[in-house]
Amino acid sequence: MKKCEPARLLDVTGDKCPITYVKVRLALEEMEPGRVLKVSLKDGDTLRNVCRSLAEDGQMVLAVEKEGNFAAVYVEKKG
């Protein structure tokens, strides 16, 4: 997977599902298609749920970086 320089950063490490994805979706709605959002979140169920929801919404996950109990997801907004 290719990782691009993010146009925006979003930290939802202190949030729980489903609010994590709500915040990700709102951030993506404010962005132009083709731009990249970097989301910092908890590893585990939160990461799996957010990545699954992004795919279901037609967004493109470019990369996932894990570090300890946290992860960074790079997602490109699709048209």
N, C-alpha and C. Protein backbone atom coordinates (compact mmCIF):
# COMPACT_ATOMS: atom_id res chain seq x y z
N MET A 1 0.84 -1.19 0.00
CA MET A 1 0.00 0.00 0.00
C MET A 1 0.88 1.25 0.00
N LYS A 2 0.41 2.25 -0.67
CA LYS A 2 1.14 3.51 -0.76
C LYS A 2 0.62 4.48 0.30
N LYS A 3 1.54 5.20 0.92
CA LYS A 3 1.16 6.20 1.93
C LYS A 3 1.53 7.58 1.41
N CYS A 4 0.62 8.52 1.51
CA CYS A 4 0.84 9.88 1.04
C CYS A 4 0.88 10.84 2.22
N GLU A 5 1.40 12.02 1.95
CA GLU A 5 1.40 13.07 2.98
C GLU A 5 -0.04 13.48 3.27
N PRO A 6 -0.45 13.40 4.54
CA PRO A 6 -1.84 13.74 4.85
C PRO A 6 -2.12 15.23 4.76
N ALA A 7 -3.32 15.55 4.28
CA ALA A 7 -3.78 16.92 4.22
C ALA A 7 -4.36 17.34 5.57
N ARG A 8 -4.77 16.34 6.35
CA ARG A 8 -5.39 16.62 7.64
C ARG A 8 -5.08 15.48 8.61
N LEU A 9 -4.97 15.83 9.90
CA LEU A 9 -4.74 14.86 10.96
C LEU A 9 -5.95 14.83 11.88
N LEU A 10 -6.32 13.63 12.33
CA LEU A 10 -7.45 13.47 13.24
C LEU A 10 -7.04 12.49 14.33
N ASP A 11 -7.14 12.90 15.59
CA ASP A 11 -6.80 12.05 16.72
C ASP A 11 -8.08 11.64 17.44
N VAL A 12 -8.41 10.34 17.37
CA VAL A 12 -9.58 9.82 18.06
C VAL A 12 -9.17 8.73 19.06
N THR A 13 -7.93 8.84 19.56
CA THR A 13 -7.42 7.82 20.47
C THR A 13 -8.17 7.79 21.80
N GLY A 14 -8.82 8.88 22.17
CA GLY A 14 -9.56 8.93 23.42
C GLY A 14 -11.03 8.59 23.28
N ASP A 15 -11.45 8.25 22.06
CA ASP A 15 -12.87 7.99 21.80
C ASP A 15 -13.14 6.49 21.68
N LYS A 16 -14.42 6.13 21.82
CA LYS A 16 -14.86 4.74 21.67
C LYS A 16 -15.82 4.65 20.50
N CYS A 17 -15.93 3.44 19.94
CA CYS A 17 -16.90 3.18 18.88
C CYS A 17 -18.30 3.40 19.43
N PRO A 18 -19.19 3.93 18.66
CA PRO A 18 -19.10 4.26 17.24
C PRO A 18 -18.67 5.71 16.98
N ILE A 19 -18.40 6.50 18.02
CA ILE A 19 -18.06 7.91 17.83
C ILE A 19 -16.76 8.07 17.03
N THR A 20 -15.87 7.08 17.11
CA THR A 20 -14.62 7.18 16.34
C THR A 20 -14.91 7.31 14.86
N TYR A 21 -15.78 6.45 14.34
CA TYR A 21 -16.06 6.51 12.91
C TYR A 21 -16.89 7.73 12.55
N VAL A 22 -17.76 8.15 13.42
CA VAL A 22 -18.54 9.37 13.17
C VAL A 22 -17.60 10.54 12.94
N LYS A 23 -16.59 10.67 13.79
CA LYS A 23 -15.62 11.76 13.65
C LYS A 23 -14.79 11.63 12.37
N VAL A 24 -14.41 10.39 12.03
CA VAL A 24 -13.66 10.16 10.79
C VAL A 24 -14.51 10.56 9.59
N ARG A 25 -15.74 10.14 9.58
CA ARG A 25 -16.63 10.45 8.46
C ARG A 25 -16.86 11.96 8.32
N LEU A 26 -17.06 12.65 9.44
CA LEU A 26 -17.25 14.10 9.40
C LEU A 26 -16.00 14.80 8.86
N ALA A 27 -14.83 14.33 9.27
CA ALA A 27 -13.58 14.92 8.78
C ALA A 27 -13.46 14.71 7.27
N LEU A 28 -13.78 13.52 6.78
CA LEU A 28 -13.71 13.24 5.35
C LEU A 28 -14.69 14.10 4.56
N GLU A 29 -15.87 14.35 5.11
CA GLU A 29 -16.87 15.16 4.42
C GLU A 29 -16.38 16.58 4.17
N GLU A 30 -15.48 17.07 5.01
CA GLU A 30 -14.95 18.42 4.87
C GLU A 30 -13.77 18.50 3.91
N MET A 31 -13.31 17.35 3.42
CA MET A 31 -12.13 17.30 2.57
C MET A 31 -12.50 17.14 1.10
N GLU A 32 -11.59 17.55 0.22
CA GLU A 32 -11.76 17.37 -1.22
C GLU A 32 -11.39 15.94 -1.60
N PRO A 33 -12.04 15.37 -2.62
CA PRO A 33 -11.66 14.04 -3.11
C PRO A 33 -10.18 14.01 -3.50
N GLY A 34 -9.55 12.87 -3.21
CA GLY A 34 -8.13 12.70 -3.52
C GLY A 34 -7.20 13.10 -2.39
N ARG A 35 -7.72 13.81 -1.40
CA ARG A 35 -6.89 14.23 -0.26
C ARG A 35 -6.78 13.09 0.75
N VAL A 36 -5.72 13.13 1.56
CA VAL A 36 -5.46 12.05 2.52
C VAL A 36 -5.66 12.54 3.94
N LEU A 37 -6.36 11.71 4.73
CA LEU A 37 -6.59 11.96 6.14
C LEU A 37 -5.80 10.93 6.94
N LYS A 38 -5.06 11.40 7.93
CA LYS A 38 -4.35 10.50 8.84
C LYS A 38 -5.14 10.46 10.14
N VAL A 39 -5.59 9.26 10.52
CA VAL A 39 -6.38 9.07 11.73
C VAL A 39 -5.56 8.29 12.74
N SER A 40 -5.39 8.86 13.94
CA SER A 40 -4.75 8.16 15.05
C SER A 40 -5.85 7.58 15.93
N LEU A 41 -5.77 6.27 16.19
CA LEU A 41 -6.81 5.60 16.96
C LEU A 41 -6.25 4.40 17.70
N LYS A 42 -7.11 3.78 18.51
CA LYS A 42 -6.70 2.59 19.27
C LYS A 42 -6.64 1.39 18.34
N ASP A 43 -5.67 0.50 18.60
CA ASP A 43 -5.57 -0.75 17.87
C ASP A 43 -6.68 -1.69 18.34
N GLY A 44 -6.87 -2.80 17.66
CA GLY A 44 -7.88 -3.78 18.08
C GLY A 44 -9.20 -3.55 17.38
N ASP A 45 -10.30 -3.70 18.14
CA ASP A 45 -11.64 -3.58 17.56
C ASP A 45 -11.88 -2.23 16.91
N THR A 46 -11.39 -1.16 17.54
CA THR A 46 -11.59 0.17 16.98
C THR A 46 -10.97 0.26 15.60
N LEU A 47 -9.74 -0.19 15.46
CA LEU A 47 -9.05 -0.16 14.17
C LEU A 47 -9.80 -1.00 13.14
N ARG A 48 -10.17 -2.21 13.50
CA ARG A 48 -10.88 -3.09 12.57
C ARG A 48 -12.22 -2.48 12.14
N ASN A 49 -12.96 -1.94 13.10
CA ASN A 49 -14.27 -1.37 12.78
C ASN A 49 -14.16 -0.15 11.87
N VAL A 50 -13.22 0.73 12.15
CA VAL A 50 -13.04 1.93 11.33
C VAL A 50 -12.60 1.54 9.92
N CYS A 51 -11.66 0.63 9.78
CA CYS A 51 -11.20 0.22 8.45
C CYS A 51 -12.33 -0.46 7.67
N ARG A 52 -13.11 -1.29 8.33
CA ARG A 52 -14.24 -1.95 7.67
C ARG A 52 -15.27 -0.91 7.21
N SER A 53 -15.59 0.05 8.07
CA SER A 53 -16.56 1.09 7.72
C SER A 53 -16.06 1.96 6.58
N LEU A 54 -14.77 2.27 6.57
CA LEU A 54 -14.21 3.05 5.48
C LEU A 54 -14.38 2.31 4.15
N ALA A 55 -14.07 1.03 4.15
CA ALA A 55 -14.20 0.22 2.94
C ALA A 55 -15.66 0.16 2.49
N GLU A 56 -16.58 -0.01 3.43
CA GLU A 56 -18.01 -0.07 3.09
C GLU A 56 -18.49 1.24 2.49
N ASP A 57 -17.88 2.35 2.89
CA ASP A 57 -18.26 3.67 2.37
C ASP A 57 -17.53 4.01 1.07
N GLY A 58 -16.67 3.11 0.60
CA GLY A 58 -15.97 3.34 -0.66
C GLY A 58 -14.71 4.16 -0.54
N GLN A 59 -14.22 4.36 0.68
CA GLN A 59 -12.98 5.11 0.87
C GLN A 59 -11.79 4.16 0.69
N MET A 60 -10.60 4.71 0.42
CA MET A 60 -9.41 3.91 0.17
C MET A 60 -8.43 4.01 1.32
N VAL A 61 -8.23 2.91 2.05
CA VAL A 61 -7.21 2.87 3.10
C VAL A 61 -5.87 2.63 2.41
N LEU A 62 -4.98 3.61 2.53
CA LEU A 62 -3.68 3.53 1.87
C LEU A 62 -2.66 2.77 2.70
N ALA A 63 -2.70 2.96 4.02
CA ALA A 63 -1.72 2.33 4.90
C ALA A 63 -2.22 2.34 6.33
N VAL A 64 -1.73 1.36 7.09
CA VAL A 64 -2.00 1.29 8.52
C VAL A 64 -0.65 1.08 9.21
N GLU A 65 -0.32 1.95 10.15
CA GLU A 65 0.91 1.83 10.93
C GLU A 65 0.53 1.57 12.38
N LYS A 66 1.05 0.47 12.94
CA LYS A 66 0.74 0.14 14.33
C LYS A 66 1.94 0.43 15.22
N GLU A 67 1.65 0.95 16.41
CA GLU A 67 2.69 1.20 17.41
C GLU A 67 2.07 0.99 18.78
N GLY A 68 2.43 -0.11 19.42
CA GLY A 68 1.87 -0.42 20.73
C GLY A 68 0.38 -0.66 20.64
N ASN A 69 -0.39 0.04 21.46
CA ASN A 69 -1.85 -0.11 21.49
C ASN A 69 -2.56 0.86 20.56
N PHE A 70 -1.80 1.56 19.74
CA PHE A 70 -2.38 2.56 18.87
C PHE A 70 -2.01 2.30 17.41
N ALA A 71 -2.72 2.97 16.52
CA ALA A 71 -2.45 2.82 15.09
C ALA A 71 -2.73 4.14 14.39
N ALA A 72 -2.14 4.28 13.21
CA ALA A 72 -2.42 5.41 12.33
C ALA A 72 -2.94 4.85 11.03
N VAL A 73 -4.08 5.36 10.58
CA VAL A 73 -4.69 4.93 9.34
C VAL A 73 -4.62 6.10 8.37
N TYR A 74 -4.09 5.84 7.17
CA TYR A 74 -4.05 6.84 6.12
C TYR A 74 -5.14 6.49 5.13
N VAL A 75 -6.08 7.40 4.96
CA VAL A 75 -7.23 7.13 4.09
C VAL A 75 -7.38 8.24 3.05
N GLU A 76 -7.55 7.83 1.79
CA GLU A 76 -7.76 8.79 0.70
C GLU A 76 -9.26 8.93 0.47
N LYS A 77 -9.71 10.17 0.46
CA LYS A 77 -11.13 10.42 0.22
C LYS A 77 -11.44 10.19 -1.25
N LYS A 78 -12.45 9.39 -1.47
CA LYS A 78 -12.91 9.13 -2.85
C LYS A 78 -14.04 10.07 -3.18
N GLY A 79 -14.25 10.28 -4.47
CA GLY A 79 -15.26 11.20 -4.97
C GLY A 79 -16.61 10.92 -4.42
